[in-house]
Amino acid sequence: FPEVRERFELAERTLADRLGEPLGALVFPPPRFDAQQQAAAQKALTRTQVAQPAIGAADLGLLSLLRALELRPDMVAGHSYGEYVALCAAGGLSEPDLYMLSEARGRCIAEASGLDGGTMAAVAAGADEVNEVLSSLDEVWIANLNAPSQTVLSGTHKGIARAVEIVGSRGWTARPIPVACAFHSP
């Protein structure tokens, strides 16, 4: 849809001198022919200073498409980074400013998180249960309460790996979330 493509093109032009390569090449890379190349492309896109403006462009692309279909929201809201997109969708932040702020926010988070930026995992269990089982782990925090039976954890790679192992031994499903940092944690 041209409405979606235009958002990505504007984001790419806005961030032309900030990402090292065009945003479109990171979001829509050419086909990769081996697992190592595919993993490298995924890692490049997952960097938070790339992922955040890419998510912003995708979200605004969908909003533009809905507007082209004459669907208008009465209100907007977002969670975490989504709050920035909601602010832009509501007219409180220009689209180019959203992309610049997104890249800067992502870069600052990456710089502040150090070498082991950490990771996240979603656990199919309630927060009280998860907290009771994992309270002794020093490198893991409850980051989000997504639903009564879904709790998101954030922490170091080592801590999250141990948490996934522990909750798995209790029969709970835990899925790693492919992120660059331990968002919503110290």
N, C-alpha and C. Protein backbone atom coordinates (compact mmCIF):
# COMPACT_ATOMS: atom_id res chain seq x y z
N PHE A 1 0.84 -1.18 0.00
CA PHE A 1 0.00 0.00 0.00
C PHE A 1 0.89 1.25 0.00
N PRO A 2 0.60 2.20 -0.88
CA PRO A 2 1.44 3.40 -0.94
C PRO A 2 1.47 4.17 0.38
N GLU A 3 0.37 4.16 1.13
CA GLU A 3 0.33 4.87 2.41
C GLU A 3 1.36 4.31 3.39
N VAL A 4 1.56 3.01 3.36
CA VAL A 4 2.53 2.37 4.24
C VAL A 4 3.95 2.64 3.73
N ARG A 5 4.14 2.46 2.43
CA ARG A 5 5.47 2.69 1.84
C ARG A 5 5.95 4.12 2.10
N GLU A 6 5.05 5.09 2.01
CA GLU A 6 5.43 6.50 2.23
C GLU A 6 5.95 6.73 3.64
N ARG A 7 5.38 6.07 4.63
CA ARG A 7 5.86 6.22 6.01
C ARG A 7 7.29 5.70 6.15
N PHE A 8 7.54 4.54 5.56
CA PHE A 8 8.90 3.98 5.62
C PHE A 8 9.88 4.86 4.86
N GLU A 9 9.45 5.39 3.73
CA GLU A 9 10.34 6.27 2.95
C GLU A 9 10.67 7.54 3.72
N LEU A 10 9.68 8.13 4.38
CA LEU A 10 9.94 9.33 5.18
C LEU A 10 10.87 9.00 6.34
N ALA A 11 10.63 7.89 7.01
CA ALA A 11 11.52 7.48 8.11
C ALA A 11 12.94 7.30 7.60
N GLU A 12 13.09 6.66 6.45
CA GLU A 12 14.42 6.44 5.89
C GLU A 12 15.11 7.75 5.55
N ARG A 13 14.39 8.68 4.93
CA ARG A 13 14.99 9.99 4.61
C ARG A 13 15.36 10.74 5.89
N THR A 14 14.49 10.70 6.87
CA THR A 14 14.73 11.42 8.12
C THR A 14 15.97 10.91 8.84
N LEU A 15 16.20 9.60 8.78
CA LEU A 15 17.30 8.97 9.52
C LEU A 15 18.49 8.63 8.63
N ALA A 16 18.56 9.21 7.44
CA ALA A 16 19.58 8.85 6.45
C ALA A 16 21.00 8.90 7.00
N ASP A 17 21.30 9.84 7.87
CA ASP A 17 22.68 9.98 8.36
C ASP A 17 22.86 9.40 9.77
N ARG A 18 21.90 8.60 10.25
CA ARG A 18 21.97 8.14 11.63
C ARG A 18 22.14 6.64 11.81
N LEU A 19 21.73 5.82 10.86
CA LEU A 19 21.70 4.37 11.08
C LEU A 19 22.84 3.60 10.43
N GLY A 20 23.61 4.24 9.60
CA GLY A 20 24.70 3.54 8.93
C GLY A 20 24.29 2.90 7.61
N GLU A 21 23.04 2.56 7.48
CA GLU A 21 22.50 2.07 6.22
C GLU A 21 21.02 2.42 6.17
N PRO A 22 20.42 2.42 4.99
CA PRO A 22 19.02 2.84 4.87
C PRO A 22 18.08 1.96 5.71
N LEU A 23 17.12 2.59 6.36
CA LEU A 23 16.16 1.86 7.18
C LEU A 23 15.46 0.78 6.35
N GLY A 24 15.09 1.10 5.14
CA GLY A 24 14.40 0.13 4.28
C GLY A 24 15.22 -1.13 4.04
N ALA A 25 16.53 -0.99 3.92
CA ALA A 25 17.40 -2.15 3.72
C ALA A 25 17.45 -3.02 4.97
N LEU A 26 17.23 -2.42 6.13
CA LEU A 26 17.22 -3.17 7.38
C LEU A 26 15.88 -3.85 7.62
N VAL A 27 14.79 -3.14 7.30
CA VAL A 27 13.45 -3.68 7.51
C VAL A 27 13.08 -4.68 6.42
N PHE A 28 13.45 -4.37 5.20
CA PHE A 28 13.12 -5.21 4.04
C PHE A 28 14.41 -5.65 3.35
N PRO A 29 15.22 -6.48 4.01
CA PRO A 29 16.52 -6.84 3.43
C PRO A 29 16.34 -7.76 2.23
N PRO A 30 17.35 -7.79 1.35
CA PRO A 30 17.29 -8.74 0.25
C PRO A 30 17.30 -10.17 0.82
N PRO A 31 16.84 -11.13 0.04
CA PRO A 31 16.82 -12.52 0.53
C PRO A 31 18.21 -12.97 0.97
N ARG A 32 18.23 -13.72 2.05
CA ARG A 32 19.47 -14.29 2.58
C ARG A 32 19.47 -15.78 2.25
N PHE A 33 20.66 -16.31 2.00
CA PHE A 33 20.73 -17.68 1.52
C PHE A 33 21.26 -18.67 2.54
N ASP A 34 21.65 -18.22 3.71
CA ASP A 34 22.06 -19.16 4.74
C ASP A 34 21.65 -18.63 6.10
N ALA A 35 21.67 -19.51 7.07
CA ALA A 35 21.19 -19.16 8.41
C ALA A 35 22.03 -18.05 9.04
N GLN A 36 23.32 -18.04 8.78
CA GLN A 36 24.19 -17.01 9.36
C GLN A 36 23.84 -15.63 8.82
N GLN A 37 23.59 -15.52 7.53
CA GLN A 37 23.19 -14.24 6.94
C GLN A 37 21.82 -13.80 7.46
N GLN A 38 20.90 -14.75 7.60
CA GLN A 38 19.58 -14.42 8.12
C GLN A 38 19.67 -13.93 9.57
N ALA A 39 20.50 -14.59 10.37
CA ALA A 39 20.68 -14.18 11.76
C ALA A 39 21.30 -12.79 11.84
N ALA A 40 22.26 -12.49 10.97
CA ALA A 40 22.89 -11.17 10.96
C ALA A 40 21.88 -10.09 10.58
N ALA A 41 21.02 -10.38 9.60
CA ALA A 41 19.99 -9.41 9.20
C ALA A 41 19.00 -9.17 10.33
N GLN A 42 18.61 -10.25 11.02
CA GLN A 42 17.69 -10.12 12.16
C GLN A 42 18.32 -9.31 13.28
N LYS A 43 19.59 -9.56 13.57
CA LYS A 43 20.30 -8.84 14.63
C LYS A 43 20.40 -7.35 14.29
N ALA A 44 20.66 -7.03 13.02
CA ALA A 44 20.76 -5.63 12.60
C ALA A 44 19.42 -4.90 12.79
N LEU A 45 18.33 -5.59 12.50
CA LEU A 45 17.00 -4.98 12.65
C LEU A 45 16.60 -4.90 14.11
N THR A 46 17.03 -5.83 14.92
CA THR A 46 16.65 -5.88 16.34
C THR A 46 17.34 -4.81 17.16
N ARG A 47 18.46 -4.25 16.68
CA ARG A 47 19.12 -3.17 17.44
C ARG A 47 18.06 -2.12 17.76
N THR A 48 17.98 -1.74 19.00
CA THR A 48 16.86 -0.90 19.44
C THR A 48 16.81 0.45 18.74
N GLN A 49 17.96 1.00 18.33
CA GLN A 49 17.95 2.27 17.62
C GLN A 49 17.43 2.12 16.19
N VAL A 50 17.34 0.89 15.70
CA VAL A 50 16.73 0.60 14.40
C VAL A 50 15.29 0.14 14.60
N ALA A 51 15.09 -0.77 15.56
CA ALA A 51 13.77 -1.35 15.77
C ALA A 51 12.72 -0.30 16.12
N GLN A 52 13.09 0.66 16.97
CA GLN A 52 12.08 1.63 17.39
C GLN A 52 11.58 2.50 16.24
N PRO A 53 12.46 3.12 15.42
CA PRO A 53 11.90 3.86 14.29
C PRO A 53 11.19 2.96 13.27
N ALA A 54 11.65 1.71 13.14
CA ALA A 54 10.97 0.78 12.22
C ALA A 54 9.56 0.48 12.71
N ILE A 55 9.41 0.27 14.00
CA ILE A 55 8.08 0.04 14.57
C ILE A 55 7.22 1.29 14.39
N GLY A 56 7.81 2.46 14.62
CA GLY A 56 7.07 3.71 14.42
C GLY A 56 6.58 3.86 12.99
N ALA A 57 7.44 3.57 12.03
CA ALA A 57 7.04 3.67 10.62
C ALA A 57 5.94 2.66 10.29
N ALA A 58 6.05 1.45 10.82
CA ALA A 58 5.02 0.43 10.57
C ALA A 58 3.69 0.86 11.18
N ASP A 59 3.75 1.34 12.42
CA ASP A 59 2.51 1.77 13.08
C ASP A 59 1.86 2.94 12.35
N LEU A 60 2.67 3.93 11.97
CA LEU A 60 2.09 5.08 11.26
C LEU A 60 1.65 4.70 9.85
N GLY A 61 2.32 3.70 9.27
CA GLY A 61 1.88 3.19 7.97
C GLY A 61 0.49 2.59 8.07
N LEU A 62 0.26 1.80 9.10
CA LEU A 62 -1.07 1.22 9.29
C LEU A 62 -2.10 2.30 9.60
N LEU A 63 -1.72 3.29 10.40
CA LEU A 63 -2.62 4.40 10.68
C LEU A 63 -2.97 5.15 9.39
N SER A 64 -1.98 5.38 8.54
CA SER A 64 -2.24 6.07 7.26
C SER A 64 -3.16 5.25 6.38
N LEU A 65 -2.96 3.94 6.37
CA LEU A 65 -3.84 3.07 5.58
C LEU A 65 -5.27 3.12 6.11
N LEU A 66 -5.43 3.08 7.42
CA LEU A 66 -6.78 3.17 8.00
C LEU A 66 -7.43 4.51 7.65
N ARG A 67 -6.64 5.58 7.71
CA ARG A 67 -7.18 6.90 7.35
C ARG A 67 -7.59 6.95 5.88
N ALA A 68 -6.80 6.29 5.01
CA ALA A 68 -7.16 6.23 3.59
C ALA A 68 -8.46 5.47 3.39
N LEU A 69 -8.74 4.55 4.28
CA LEU A 69 -10.00 3.81 4.24
C LEU A 69 -11.11 4.54 5.00
N GLU A 70 -10.82 5.79 5.38
CA GLU A 70 -11.74 6.68 6.08
C GLU A 70 -12.12 6.19 7.47
N LEU A 71 -11.18 5.50 8.11
CA LEU A 71 -11.34 5.10 9.51
C LEU A 71 -10.48 6.02 10.36
N ARG A 72 -11.09 6.67 11.31
CA ARG A 72 -10.39 7.63 12.17
C ARG A 72 -10.56 7.22 13.64
N PRO A 73 -9.49 7.19 14.40
CA PRO A 73 -9.62 6.84 15.82
C PRO A 73 -10.22 8.00 16.61
N ASP A 74 -11.02 7.67 17.59
CA ASP A 74 -11.53 8.68 18.52
C ASP A 74 -10.47 9.00 19.57
N MET A 75 -9.61 8.03 19.82
CA MET A 75 -8.52 8.22 20.78
C MET A 75 -7.39 7.27 20.41
N VAL A 76 -6.21 7.56 20.92
CA VAL A 76 -5.06 6.70 20.69
C VAL A 76 -4.36 6.46 22.02
N ALA A 77 -3.70 5.32 22.12
CA ALA A 77 -2.94 4.99 23.32
C ALA A 77 -1.82 4.04 22.91
N GLY A 78 -0.84 3.92 23.75
CA GLY A 78 0.25 3.00 23.46
C GLY A 78 0.89 2.52 24.75
N HIS A 79 1.63 1.44 24.63
CA HIS A 79 2.36 0.89 25.78
C HIS A 79 3.84 1.00 25.49
N SER A 80 4.60 1.52 26.44
CA SER A 80 6.05 1.65 26.31
C SER A 80 6.37 2.52 25.09
N TYR A 81 7.16 2.01 24.15
CA TYR A 81 7.48 2.82 22.97
C TYR A 81 6.21 3.26 22.23
N GLY A 82 5.17 2.46 22.29
CA GLY A 82 3.92 2.80 21.61
C GLY A 82 3.32 4.12 22.05
N GLU A 83 3.70 4.59 23.24
CA GLU A 83 3.21 5.89 23.71
C GLU A 83 3.72 7.01 22.80
N TYR A 84 4.92 6.86 22.28
CA TYR A 84 5.48 7.87 21.38
C TYR A 84 4.71 7.90 20.06
N VAL A 85 4.39 6.71 19.54
CA VAL A 85 3.62 6.64 18.30
C VAL A 85 2.22 7.20 18.52
N ALA A 86 1.63 6.90 19.67
CA ALA A 86 0.30 7.44 19.98
C ALA A 86 0.34 8.96 20.05
N LEU A 87 1.39 9.51 20.63
CA LEU A 87 1.54 10.96 20.71
C LEU A 87 1.62 11.57 19.31
N CYS A 88 2.35 10.91 18.41
CA CYS A 88 2.44 11.37 17.03
C CYS A 88 1.08 11.24 16.33
N ALA A 89 0.42 10.10 16.51
CA ALA A 89 -0.88 9.88 15.88
C ALA A 89 -1.91 10.90 16.35
N ALA A 90 -1.77 11.35 17.59
CA ALA A 90 -2.71 12.34 18.14
C ALA A 90 -2.36 13.77 17.72
N GLY A 91 -1.22 13.93 17.04
CA GLY A 91 -0.84 15.26 16.56
C GLY A 91 0.07 16.02 17.51
N GLY A 92 0.53 15.41 18.57
CA GLY A 92 1.38 16.08 19.54
C GLY A 92 2.86 16.04 19.20
N LEU A 93 3.22 15.30 18.16
CA LEU A 93 4.61 15.14 17.75
C LEU A 93 4.61 14.94 16.25
N SER A 94 5.48 15.66 15.53
CA SER A 94 5.52 15.49 14.08
C SER A 94 6.11 14.13 13.72
N GLU A 95 5.79 13.65 12.55
CA GLU A 95 6.32 12.35 12.12
C GLU A 95 7.85 12.35 12.03
N PRO A 96 8.48 13.35 11.38
CA PRO A 96 9.95 13.34 11.39
C PRO A 96 10.53 13.40 12.80
N ASP A 97 9.91 14.16 13.70
CA ASP A 97 10.38 14.22 15.08
C ASP A 97 10.23 12.86 15.76
N LEU A 98 9.16 12.13 15.45
CA LEU A 98 8.99 10.79 16.02
C LEU A 98 10.17 9.91 15.61
N TYR A 99 10.55 9.94 14.35
CA TYR A 99 11.64 9.08 13.88
C TYR A 99 12.97 9.48 14.52
N MET A 100 13.22 10.77 14.61
CA MET A 100 14.47 11.23 15.23
C MET A 100 14.50 10.86 16.72
N LEU A 101 13.39 11.09 17.41
CA LEU A 101 13.30 10.75 18.83
C LEU A 101 13.42 9.23 19.04
N SER A 102 12.82 8.46 18.15
CA SER A 102 12.88 7.00 18.25
C SER A 102 14.30 6.49 18.13
N GLU A 103 15.03 7.00 17.16
CA GLU A 103 16.42 6.58 16.98
C GLU A 103 17.25 7.00 18.18
N ALA A 104 17.09 8.23 18.64
CA ALA A 104 17.86 8.73 19.78
C ALA A 104 17.52 7.94 21.05
N ARG A 105 16.25 7.68 21.27
CA ARG A 105 15.82 6.90 22.44
C ARG A 105 16.45 5.51 22.40
N GLY A 106 16.35 4.86 21.25
CA GLY A 106 16.93 3.53 21.11
C GLY A 106 18.43 3.52 21.31
N ARG A 107 19.11 4.50 20.75
CA ARG A 107 20.57 4.59 20.90
C ARG A 107 20.95 4.80 22.35
N CYS A 108 20.25 5.69 23.04
CA CYS A 108 20.55 5.94 24.46
C CYS A 108 20.30 4.71 25.31
N ILE A 109 19.23 4.00 25.05
CA ILE A 109 18.95 2.76 25.78
C ILE A 109 20.07 1.75 25.54
N ALA A 110 20.49 1.60 24.29
CA ALA A 110 21.55 0.65 23.95
C ALA A 110 22.87 1.03 24.64
N GLU A 111 23.20 2.31 24.61
CA GLU A 111 24.43 2.76 25.24
C GLU A 111 24.38 2.56 26.76
N ALA A 112 23.25 2.82 27.36
CA ALA A 112 23.13 2.70 28.82
C ALA A 112 23.10 1.25 29.29
N SER A 113 22.70 0.34 28.40
CA SER A 113 22.55 -1.05 28.83
C SER A 113 23.85 -1.83 28.80
N GLY A 114 24.89 -1.29 28.24
CA GLY A 114 26.20 -1.95 28.28
C GLY A 114 26.33 -3.13 27.34
N LEU A 115 27.35 -3.94 27.59
CA LEU A 115 27.66 -5.06 26.70
C LEU A 115 26.59 -6.13 26.71
N ASP A 116 26.11 -6.52 27.89
CA ASP A 116 25.01 -7.48 27.97
C ASP A 116 23.75 -6.67 28.15
N GLY A 117 23.16 -6.26 27.05
CA GLY A 117 21.95 -5.45 27.12
C GLY A 117 20.78 -6.19 27.73
N GLY A 118 20.93 -7.49 27.84
CA GLY A 118 19.85 -8.29 28.41
C GLY A 118 18.85 -8.73 27.39
N THR A 119 17.80 -9.34 27.88
CA THR A 119 16.76 -9.86 27.00
C THR A 119 15.46 -9.99 27.78
N MET A 120 14.46 -10.58 27.15
CA MET A 120 13.14 -10.72 27.79
C MET A 120 12.54 -12.07 27.43
N ALA A 121 11.54 -12.48 28.20
CA ALA A 121 10.79 -13.71 27.93
C ALA A 121 9.37 -13.55 28.44
N ALA A 122 8.44 -14.17 27.76
CA ALA A 122 7.04 -14.18 28.18
C ALA A 122 6.74 -15.53 28.82
N VAL A 123 6.10 -15.50 29.98
CA VAL A 123 5.77 -16.71 30.72
C VAL A 123 4.25 -16.83 30.79
N ALA A 124 3.74 -18.02 30.48
CA ALA A 124 2.30 -18.26 30.53
C ALA A 124 1.89 -18.61 31.96
N ALA A 125 1.92 -17.61 32.81
CA ALA A 125 1.51 -17.76 34.21
C ALA A 125 1.27 -16.36 34.79
N GLY A 126 0.53 -16.29 35.84
CA GLY A 126 0.23 -15.03 36.49
C GLY A 126 1.43 -14.44 37.21
N ALA A 127 1.41 -13.15 37.40
CA ALA A 127 2.53 -12.43 38.01
C ALA A 127 2.82 -12.90 39.43
N ASP A 128 1.81 -13.14 40.22
CA ASP A 128 2.03 -13.59 41.60
C ASP A 128 2.75 -14.93 41.63
N GLU A 129 2.29 -15.85 40.78
CA GLU A 129 2.93 -17.17 40.71
C GLU A 129 4.38 -17.06 40.25
N VAL A 130 4.59 -16.26 39.19
CA VAL A 130 5.93 -16.10 38.63
C VAL A 130 6.85 -15.46 39.67
N ASN A 131 6.37 -14.43 40.32
CA ASN A 131 7.17 -13.74 41.33
C ASN A 131 7.56 -14.69 42.46
N GLU A 132 6.62 -15.52 42.90
CA GLU A 132 6.90 -16.47 43.98
C GLU A 132 8.01 -17.45 43.58
N VAL A 133 7.97 -17.91 42.35
CA VAL A 133 8.93 -18.91 41.89
C VAL A 133 10.30 -18.30 41.58
N LEU A 134 10.31 -17.06 41.11
CA LEU A 134 11.57 -16.46 40.66
C LEU A 134 12.13 -15.39 41.58
N SER A 135 11.52 -15.17 42.72
CA SER A 135 11.94 -14.07 43.59
C SER A 135 13.40 -14.17 44.04
N SER A 136 13.97 -15.35 44.03
CA SER A 136 15.37 -15.50 44.47
C SER A 136 16.38 -15.16 43.38
N LEU A 137 15.94 -14.97 42.14
CA LEU A 137 16.87 -14.64 41.05
C LEU A 137 17.21 -13.16 41.10
N ASP A 138 18.51 -12.86 41.12
CA ASP A 138 18.97 -11.46 41.21
C ASP A 138 18.92 -10.72 39.88
N GLU A 139 19.01 -11.40 38.78
CA GLU A 139 19.17 -10.74 37.48
C GLU A 139 17.89 -10.77 36.64
N VAL A 140 16.74 -10.94 37.27
CA VAL A 140 15.46 -11.07 36.56
C VAL A 140 14.41 -10.21 37.26
N TRP A 141 13.62 -9.50 36.47
CA TRP A 141 12.56 -8.66 37.00
C TRP A 141 11.28 -8.90 36.20
N ILE A 142 10.15 -8.73 36.86
CA ILE A 142 8.88 -8.72 36.14
C ILE A 142 8.78 -7.38 35.45
N ALA A 143 8.62 -7.43 34.15
CA ALA A 143 8.62 -6.21 33.35
C ALA A 143 7.21 -5.76 32.96
N ASN A 144 6.36 -6.70 32.58
CA ASN A 144 5.02 -6.36 32.11
C ASN A 144 4.03 -7.41 32.59
N LEU A 145 2.86 -6.95 32.91
CA LEU A 145 1.75 -7.84 33.23
C LEU A 145 0.78 -7.75 32.04
N ASN A 146 1.01 -8.59 31.04
CA ASN A 146 0.24 -8.48 29.80
C ASN A 146 -1.19 -8.97 29.93
N ALA A 147 -1.39 -9.99 30.73
CA ALA A 147 -2.71 -10.59 30.90
C ALA A 147 -2.69 -11.37 32.20
N PRO A 148 -3.86 -11.78 32.70
CA PRO A 148 -3.86 -12.55 33.96
C PRO A 148 -2.97 -13.79 33.91
N SER A 149 -2.78 -14.36 32.72
CA SER A 149 -1.95 -15.55 32.63
C SER A 149 -0.76 -15.35 31.70
N GLN A 150 -0.26 -14.12 31.61
CA GLN A 150 0.98 -13.87 30.85
C GLN A 150 1.78 -12.77 31.54
N THR A 151 2.97 -13.15 31.95
CA THR A 151 3.88 -12.25 32.63
C THR A 151 5.17 -12.16 31.82
N VAL A 152 5.64 -10.95 31.58
CA VAL A 152 6.87 -10.75 30.81
C VAL A 152 8.01 -10.47 31.78
N LEU A 153 9.11 -11.19 31.56
CA LEU A 153 10.31 -11.03 32.38
C LEU A 153 11.36 -10.27 31.60
N SER A 154 12.22 -9.59 32.33
CA SER A 154 13.31 -8.83 31.75
C SER A 154 14.54 -9.06 32.61
N GLY A 155 15.71 -9.16 31.98
CA GLY A 155 16.92 -9.35 32.76
C GLY A 155 18.13 -9.66 31.91
N THR A 156 19.19 -10.09 32.57
CA THR A 156 20.40 -10.46 31.84
C THR A 156 20.12 -11.74 31.04
N HIS A 157 20.95 -12.00 30.04
CA HIS A 157 20.78 -13.23 29.27
C HIS A 157 20.87 -14.46 30.19
N LYS A 158 21.84 -14.44 31.07
CA LYS A 158 22.03 -15.55 32.01
C LYS A 158 20.80 -15.69 32.92
N GLY A 159 20.32 -14.58 33.46
CA GLY A 159 19.17 -14.61 34.36
C GLY A 159 17.91 -15.10 33.67
N ILE A 160 17.65 -14.61 32.47
CA ILE A 160 16.45 -15.03 31.74
C ILE A 160 16.55 -16.50 31.36
N ALA A 161 17.73 -16.95 30.95
CA ALA A 161 17.89 -18.38 30.62
C ALA A 161 17.56 -19.24 31.84
N ARG A 162 18.04 -18.83 33.00
CA ARG A 162 17.76 -19.58 34.23
C ARG A 162 16.27 -19.52 34.56
N ALA A 163 15.65 -18.35 34.40
CA ALA A 163 14.22 -18.20 34.68
C ALA A 163 13.39 -19.10 33.76
N VAL A 164 13.74 -19.14 32.49
CA VAL A 164 13.02 -19.99 31.53
C VAL A 164 13.15 -21.46 31.94
N GLU A 165 14.33 -21.84 32.37
CA GLU A 165 14.57 -23.20 32.84
C GLU A 165 13.69 -23.52 34.06
N ILE A 166 13.65 -22.60 35.01
CA ILE A 166 12.88 -22.82 36.24
C ILE A 166 11.38 -22.92 35.95
N VAL A 167 10.85 -21.96 35.18
CA VAL A 167 9.40 -22.00 34.92
C VAL A 167 9.05 -23.19 34.04
N GLY A 168 9.96 -23.59 33.17
CA GLY A 168 9.73 -24.79 32.36
C GLY A 168 9.62 -26.04 33.21
N SER A 169 10.42 -26.10 34.28
CA SER A 169 10.37 -27.26 35.17
C SER A 169 9.04 -27.33 35.94
N ARG A 170 8.35 -26.20 36.00
CA ARG A 170 7.03 -26.17 36.65
C ARG A 170 5.91 -26.46 35.66
N GLY A 171 6.28 -26.67 34.39
CA GLY A 171 5.29 -26.97 33.36
C GLY A 171 4.71 -25.75 32.69
N TRP A 172 5.26 -24.57 32.99
CA TRP A 172 4.77 -23.34 32.35
C TRP A 172 5.52 -23.11 31.05
N THR A 173 4.84 -22.59 30.08
CA THR A 173 5.47 -22.24 28.82
C THR A 173 6.17 -20.89 28.97
N ALA A 174 7.39 -20.81 28.48
CA ALA A 174 8.13 -19.54 28.47
C ALA A 174 8.75 -19.38 27.09
N ARG A 175 8.58 -18.21 26.52
CA ARG A 175 9.12 -17.95 25.18
C ARG A 175 10.02 -16.73 25.22
N PRO A 176 11.24 -16.87 24.71
CA PRO A 176 12.11 -15.70 24.60
C PRO A 176 11.48 -14.67 23.66
N ILE A 177 11.72 -13.42 23.94
CA ILE A 177 11.25 -12.34 23.08
C ILE A 177 12.49 -11.78 22.37
N PRO A 178 12.49 -11.73 21.05
CA PRO A 178 13.70 -11.28 20.34
C PRO A 178 13.89 -9.77 20.41
N VAL A 179 14.49 -9.32 21.50
CA VAL A 179 14.74 -7.89 21.71
C VAL A 179 16.23 -7.67 21.94
N ALA A 180 16.65 -6.43 21.83
CA ALA A 180 18.06 -6.09 21.98
C ALA A 180 18.43 -5.75 23.42
N CYS A 181 17.43 -5.48 24.25
CA CYS A 181 17.70 -5.02 25.62
C CYS A 181 16.67 -5.58 26.58
N ALA A 182 17.01 -5.49 27.86
CA ALA A 182 16.10 -5.90 28.93
C ALA A 182 15.20 -4.71 29.27
N PHE A 183 14.25 -4.44 28.40
CA PHE A 183 13.36 -3.29 28.59
C PHE A 183 12.56 -3.43 29.88
N HIS A 184 12.17 -2.31 30.45
CA HIS A 184 11.35 -2.23 31.66
C HIS A 184 12.03 -2.89 32.85
N SER A 185 13.33 -2.71 32.93
CA SER A 185 14.10 -3.25 34.06
C SER A 185 15.23 -2.27 34.42
N PRO A 186 15.82 -2.46 35.60
CA PRO A 186 16.95 -1.59 35.95
C PRO A 186 18.11 -1.75 34.99
